[in-house]
Amino acid sequence: MRFATYTANGETFYGAVTDAGAIALSPDFPQWPSLYDVVAAGALDELGKAAEGKTVTHTEFDYEMVMPNVRRILCVGVNFPDRNAEYKDGSAQPKYMSLFPRFATGFSGHGQNLVRPPENHTLDYEGEVAIVIGKAGRRISQEDAYDHIAALTLCNEGTIRDWVRHAKFNVTQGKNWDNSGSIGPWLVPFTDAAQLDDARIITRVNGEVRQDDTLNRMMFPIRREIEYISTFMTLQPGDIIVTGTPTGAGARFDPPKYLKPGDVVEVEVEGIGTLRNGVEDEA
C-alpha cells in the first residue's frame, strides 16, 4: 500500500495510490486532517483497510510533499564511507554522526520542480531514504529501533552548497531554501527489516547515474541513528529522519555538476519507488 498527499481540482487530499490512480481517503477521516495526523494516531493500518475494495477517485492529480505539515525533520550527514573520503581532509570515520534540521517548507512533492534561487546557483542533489517514526520513544535500543518506524519514503535533500559554508558550525542556511528539495512520492508502510537492510539507492540526473550504493554500507546504520537521536530527544510519531546520501553529489565532481533549469533528478529505491523532480529558477 502507498499513501500520498495530492491535489486535484484545486482541493488537497490524502489517500492510497494505485497503478490506476488515487483513492481519496481523507473525506472519510475528518478526525485526521493530514497524513501526519494519521501517522501520529498510529492509523496507517486503518487507512489501508479503508482503501481495500474502493475504486479510484482521481486519475489526474499532482503530488504534494508527502507530509507537508510535519513538525520535525532531522537529517544525518556524511554517512557513507566514500562520502567521508570526498572531503579530502584525511579524517577517519567520525565517532558520532553529523545532524542538522530541515523544515517542511524546504521540500516540494514528486513531479514538482526544485527551485534554484537567484542569490546562488549551487543547487545540488542528495538522494536518500527517509524513515517516518510511528511510535514514540526515548533512549531506544538498536534492537528495538525498527519497532518505532511506521513508514518509509524518499528524499532529494537539495542543498545550496555555497550557503552551507557561510558559518563555521552549521549548515542550516544552505539546507533550508524554500522548495530546494523533495520528499515523496508516498509513504510505504514499514513491515520488514529487509526493506532497509537490503535497500539500494540510485540517483540519476537526466538519466545519468550519479549515486549508487546500498544502505548496509552506512557508517551509522539506521538502527544506530534511532538509538543516538533518541538519546537526547524523545522521538514522536510523525518525525522524519533523513538517513544519509551516498557519494556522487554534484559538488564532488571536478568541475562541479550543479543542477540547472530543465534538469530532471530521480531518486530510486526498489520497494519504495522513484521520486522525480525537475528544476526551475525562482520566478
Protein backbone atom coordinates (compact mmCIF):
# COMPACT_ATOMS: atom_id res chain seq x y z
CA MET A 1 0.00 0.00 0.00
CA ARG A 2 1.20 3.51 -0.85
CA PHE A 3 -0.20 6.65 0.83
CA ALA A 4 0.23 10.11 -0.66
CA THR A 5 -0.85 13.72 -0.27
CA TYR A 6 -2.09 15.19 -3.52
CA THR A 7 -4.18 17.94 -5.09
CA ALA A 8 -6.95 17.50 -7.64
CA ASN A 9 -9.38 20.11 -8.94
CA GLY A 10 -7.96 22.68 -6.53
CA GLU A 11 -8.54 20.52 -3.45
CA THR A 12 -5.97 18.69 -1.30
CA PHE A 13 -6.49 15.07 -0.31
CA TYR A 14 -4.58 12.21 1.17
CA GLY A 15 -5.22 8.66 0.18
CA ALA A 16 -3.93 5.46 -1.38
CA VAL A 17 -2.15 5.41 -4.73
CA THR A 18 -2.64 2.51 -7.14
CA ASP A 19 -1.45 1.91 -10.69
CA ALA A 20 -4.86 3.13 -11.86
CA GLY A 21 -4.89 6.36 -9.86
CA ALA A 22 -5.56 7.73 -6.40
CA ILE A 23 -8.23 6.80 -3.88
CA ALA A 24 -9.19 9.77 -1.73
CA LEU A 25 -9.47 8.67 1.90
CA SER A 26 -9.25 11.98 3.76
CA PRO A 27 -13.00 12.72 3.38
CA ASP A 28 -13.70 9.54 5.37
CA PHE A 29 -11.44 10.53 8.26
CA PRO A 30 -12.16 14.15 9.28
CA GLN A 31 -10.54 13.46 12.67
CA TRP A 32 -7.19 13.23 10.85
CA PRO A 33 -6.78 16.31 8.64
CA SER A 34 -3.46 15.15 7.15
CA LEU A 35 -1.22 12.13 6.66
CA TYR A 36 0.89 13.48 9.51
CA ASP A 37 -2.14 13.19 11.78
CA VAL A 38 -2.79 9.65 10.52
CA VAL A 39 0.77 8.62 11.41
CA ALA A 40 0.62 10.44 14.76
CA ALA A 41 -2.55 8.47 15.57
CA GLY A 42 -0.92 5.18 14.58
CA ALA A 43 -3.64 4.69 11.99
CA LEU A 44 -1.85 3.75 8.76
CA ASP A 45 -3.23 0.20 9.06
CA GLU A 46 -6.75 1.58 9.39
CA LEU A 47 -6.16 3.74 6.33
CA GLY A 48 -5.03 0.69 4.38
CA LYS A 49 -8.09 -1.31 5.37
CA ALA A 50 -10.34 1.57 4.32
CA ALA A 51 -8.76 1.57 0.85
CA GLU A 52 -9.46 -2.12 0.22
CA GLY A 53 -12.14 -2.61 -2.39
CA LYS A 54 -12.56 1.11 -3.08
CA THR A 55 -12.50 2.45 -6.60
CA VAL A 56 -10.15 5.15 -7.83
CA THR A 57 -11.44 8.68 -7.26
CA HIS A 58 -8.79 10.63 -9.18
CA THR A 59 -6.83 9.72 -12.28
CA GLU A 60 -5.36 13.20 -12.73
CA PHE A 61 -3.67 14.80 -9.73
CA ASP A 62 -0.48 16.47 -8.52
CA TYR A 63 1.62 15.07 -5.71
CA GLU A 64 2.44 17.29 -2.75
CA MET A 65 5.20 16.90 -0.19
CA VAL A 66 4.03 13.69 1.43
CA MET A 67 3.57 15.19 4.94
CA PRO A 68 3.53 18.96 4.34
CA ASN A 69 2.80 19.80 7.99
CA VAL A 70 5.46 17.53 9.51
CA ARG A 71 6.85 19.19 12.64
CA ARG A 72 10.37 17.78 12.84
CA ILE A 73 12.80 16.65 10.13
CA LEU A 74 16.28 15.62 11.21
CA CYS A 75 18.98 14.78 8.66
CA VAL A 76 22.10 12.65 9.01
CA GLY A 77 25.12 13.99 7.11
CA VAL A 78 28.24 12.30 5.67
CA ASN A 79 27.00 8.79 6.40
CA PHE A 80 28.75 6.67 3.76
CA PRO A 81 32.49 5.83 3.80
CA ASP A 82 33.11 7.30 0.35
CA ARG A 83 31.28 10.50 1.37
CA ASN A 84 33.71 10.94 4.24
CA ALA A 85 36.62 10.47 1.83
CA GLU A 86 35.14 13.07 -0.55
CA TYR A 87 36.06 15.81 1.91
CA LYS A 88 39.77 15.01 1.35
CA ASP A 89 40.70 16.15 4.84
CA GLY A 90 42.33 12.88 5.88
CA SER A 91 39.82 12.36 8.66
CA ALA A 92 38.91 8.90 9.88
CA GLN A 93 35.35 7.76 10.32
CA PRO A 94 33.85 10.07 12.94
CA LYS A 95 32.83 8.67 16.31
CA TYR A 96 29.47 10.43 16.22
CA MET A 97 27.09 11.24 13.36
CA SER A 98 26.53 14.72 11.97
CA LEU A 99 22.97 16.02 12.34
CA PHE A 100 21.07 19.08 11.16
CA PRO A 101 17.41 20.15 10.97
CA ARG A 102 15.33 20.79 7.91
CA PHE A 103 11.89 22.36 7.70
CA ALA A 104 8.89 21.29 5.67
CA THR A 105 8.89 24.49 3.59
CA GLY A 106 12.18 23.36 2.04
CA PHE A 107 10.51 20.42 0.30
CA SER A 108 8.20 20.03 -2.66
CA GLY A 109 6.44 16.89 -3.86
CA HIS A 110 7.07 14.28 -6.53
CA GLY A 111 6.72 15.73 -10.02
CA GLN A 112 7.19 19.32 -8.87
CA ASN A 113 10.25 21.38 -9.69
CA LEU A 114 13.09 22.08 -7.31
CA VAL A 115 13.65 25.83 -7.16
CA ARG A 116 17.07 27.41 -7.76
CA PRO A 117 17.24 30.83 -6.04
CA PRO A 118 18.71 33.94 -7.70
CA GLU A 119 21.12 34.52 -4.81
CA ASN A 120 23.18 31.43 -5.61
CA HIS A 121 23.20 28.74 -8.31
CA THR A 122 24.98 25.92 -6.46
CA LEU A 123 21.80 23.83 -6.15
CA ASP A 124 22.81 20.22 -5.56
CA TYR A 125 21.00 16.88 -5.19
CA GLU A 126 21.28 14.23 -2.47
CA GLY A 127 19.24 11.05 -2.85
CA GLU A 128 18.26 9.47 0.47
CA VAL A 129 15.88 7.13 2.22
CA ALA A 130 13.73 8.80 4.87
CA ILE A 131 12.06 6.97 7.75
CA VAL A 132 8.88 8.10 9.47
CA ILE A 133 8.62 7.41 13.18
CA GLY A 134 5.42 5.67 14.24
CA LYS A 135 5.93 5.02 17.95
CA ALA A 136 7.29 7.48 20.49
CA GLY A 137 10.44 6.61 22.36
CA ARG A 138 13.39 7.88 24.35
CA ARG A 139 16.73 6.05 24.66
CA ILE A 140 15.62 3.43 22.18
CA SER A 141 17.95 0.44 21.83
CA GLN A 142 19.22 -0.63 18.42
CA GLU A 143 17.49 -3.96 18.94
CA ASP A 144 14.12 -2.20 19.29
CA ALA A 145 14.75 0.62 16.80
CA TYR A 146 12.82 -0.82 13.87
CA ASP A 147 9.74 -1.24 16.07
CA HIS A 148 9.50 2.57 16.10
CA ILE A 149 9.31 3.01 12.29
CA ALA A 150 5.88 3.44 10.71
CA ALA A 151 6.77 4.06 7.08
CA LEU A 152 9.46 4.77 4.50
CA THR A 153 9.71 7.41 1.82
CA LEU A 154 12.35 9.03 -0.40
CA CYS A 155 14.11 12.36 -0.17
CA ASN A 156 16.08 14.54 -2.55
CA GLU A 157 17.79 16.60 0.10
CA GLY A 158 18.55 19.54 -2.19
CA THR A 159 21.27 21.86 -0.95
CA ILE A 160 22.62 25.29 -1.87
CA ARG A 161 26.27 24.37 -1.44
CA ASP A 162 27.83 27.81 -1.11
CA TRP A 163 25.44 28.66 1.71
CA VAL A 164 26.46 25.70 3.87
CA ARG A 165 29.86 27.44 4.11
CA HIS A 166 28.54 30.74 5.49
CA ALA A 167 29.33 29.84 9.08
CA LYS A 168 31.76 27.65 10.95
CA PHE A 169 29.49 25.36 12.93
CA ASN A 170 26.30 24.84 10.95
CA VAL A 171 24.84 24.09 7.54
CA THR A 172 21.26 25.10 8.29
CA GLN A 173 21.04 28.08 5.94
CA GLY A 174 22.25 26.06 2.93
CA LYS A 175 19.81 23.26 3.70
CA ASN A 176 16.53 25.15 4.05
CA TRP A 177 15.86 27.19 0.94
CA ASP A 178 12.17 27.05 0.04
CA ASN A 179 11.37 24.16 -2.32
CA SER A 180 15.02 23.25 -2.77
CA GLY A 181 14.36 19.56 -2.04
CA SER A 182 11.61 16.99 -2.27
CA ILE A 183 10.07 14.23 -0.15
CA GLY A 184 7.76 11.56 -1.56
CA PRO A 185 6.13 10.35 -3.70
CA TRP A 186 4.35 8.45 -0.95
CA LEU A 187 4.64 6.61 2.33
CA VAL A 188 5.22 2.86 2.18
CA PRO A 189 4.36 1.11 5.47
CA PHE A 190 7.39 -0.48 7.11
CA THR A 191 6.76 -4.17 7.64
CA ASP A 192 10.07 -5.98 7.15
CA ALA A 193 13.69 -5.25 8.10
CA ALA A 194 14.73 -6.26 4.57
CA GLN A 195 13.07 -3.07 3.28
CA LEU A 196 16.02 -1.20 4.78
CA ASP A 197 18.75 -3.77 5.27
CA ASP A 198 18.74 -4.83 1.61
CA ALA A 199 17.93 -1.44 0.09
CA ARG A 200 19.91 0.01 -2.81
CA ILE A 201 19.62 3.72 -3.55
CA ILE A 202 20.23 5.15 -7.02
CA THR A 203 20.16 8.82 -8.02
CA ARG A 204 20.04 9.84 -11.68
CA VAL A 205 20.34 13.27 -13.28
CA ASN A 206 18.95 13.40 -16.82
CA GLY A 207 19.21 9.61 -16.92
CA GLU A 208 22.88 9.50 -15.85
CA VAL A 209 23.55 7.51 -12.67
CA ARG A 210 25.29 9.81 -10.18
CA GLN A 211 24.76 7.93 -6.90
CA ASP A 212 24.54 4.15 -6.43
CA ASP A 213 25.04 2.45 -3.07
CA THR A 214 23.43 0.18 -0.51
CA LEU A 215 22.18 1.15 2.93
CA ASN A 216 24.13 -1.67 4.56
CA ARG A 217 27.32 0.34 3.92
CA MET A 218 26.23 3.27 6.09
CA MET A 219 28.76 4.31 8.71
CA PHE A 220 25.84 4.88 11.07
CA PRO A 221 23.11 2.34 10.28
CA ILE A 222 19.50 3.36 10.74
CA ARG A 223 19.22 1.36 13.96
CA ARG A 224 22.12 3.38 15.35
CA GLU A 225 20.60 6.65 14.11
CA ILE A 226 17.40 5.98 16.04
CA GLU A 227 19.34 4.95 19.14
CA TYR A 228 21.59 8.01 19.07
CA ILE A 229 18.93 10.60 18.26
CA SER A 230 16.52 9.25 20.85
CA THR A 231 19.22 9.60 23.49
CA PHE A 232 18.89 13.40 23.52
CA MET A 233 15.30 13.87 22.28
CA THR A 234 12.08 11.92 22.53
CA LEU A 235 11.16 10.74 19.06
CA GLN A 236 7.49 11.34 18.31
CA PRO A 237 5.13 9.74 15.78
CA GLY A 238 5.38 11.69 12.53
CA ASP A 239 9.02 12.71 12.97
CA ILE A 240 11.10 12.19 9.82
CA ILE A 241 14.75 11.11 9.83
CA VAL A 242 16.57 11.57 6.51
CA THR A 243 19.20 8.89 6.79
CA GLY A 244 22.18 9.96 4.64
CA THR A 245 23.29 10.18 1.00
CA PRO A 246 25.94 8.18 -0.90
CA THR A 247 28.91 9.60 -2.75
CA GLY A 248 28.30 11.29 -6.10
CA ALA A 249 26.61 14.61 -5.31
CA GLY A 250 27.26 17.30 -7.89
CA ALA A 251 29.63 19.31 -5.70
CA ARG A 252 32.15 16.46 -5.67
CA PHE A 253 32.79 16.45 -9.41
CA ASP A 254 35.62 18.47 -10.96
CA PRO A 255 34.23 20.78 -12.14
CA PRO A 256 31.05 20.56 -10.03
CA LYS A 257 27.83 19.43 -11.71
CA TYR A 258 25.22 21.62 -10.07
CA LEU A 259 21.56 21.45 -11.07
CA LYS A 260 20.19 23.86 -13.65
CA PRO A 261 16.73 24.59 -15.04
CA GLY A 262 15.48 21.76 -17.22
CA ASP A 263 17.37 19.03 -15.37
CA VAL A 264 15.45 16.01 -14.09
CA VAL A 265 16.54 14.23 -10.90
CA GLU A 266 15.33 10.75 -9.97
CA VAL A 267 15.89 9.01 -6.63
CA GLU A 268 15.01 5.31 -6.76
CA VAL A 269 14.83 2.56 -4.17
CA GLU A 270 13.26 -0.76 -5.09
CA GLY A 271 10.28 -1.47 -2.87
CA ILE A 272 9.71 2.23 -2.14
CA GLY A 273 9.54 3.82 -5.58
CA THR A 274 11.03 6.66 -7.61
CA LEU A 275 11.00 10.32 -6.60
CA ARG A 276 11.27 12.52 -9.70
CA ASN A 277 11.71 16.30 -9.87
CA GLY A 278 12.58 18.88 -12.48
CA VAL A 279 14.47 22.10 -11.79
CA GLU A 280 13.46 25.72 -12.37
CA ASP A 281 14.69 29.17 -11.44
CA GLU A 282 12.76 31.10 -8.83
CA ALA A 283 10.36 33.48 -10.51
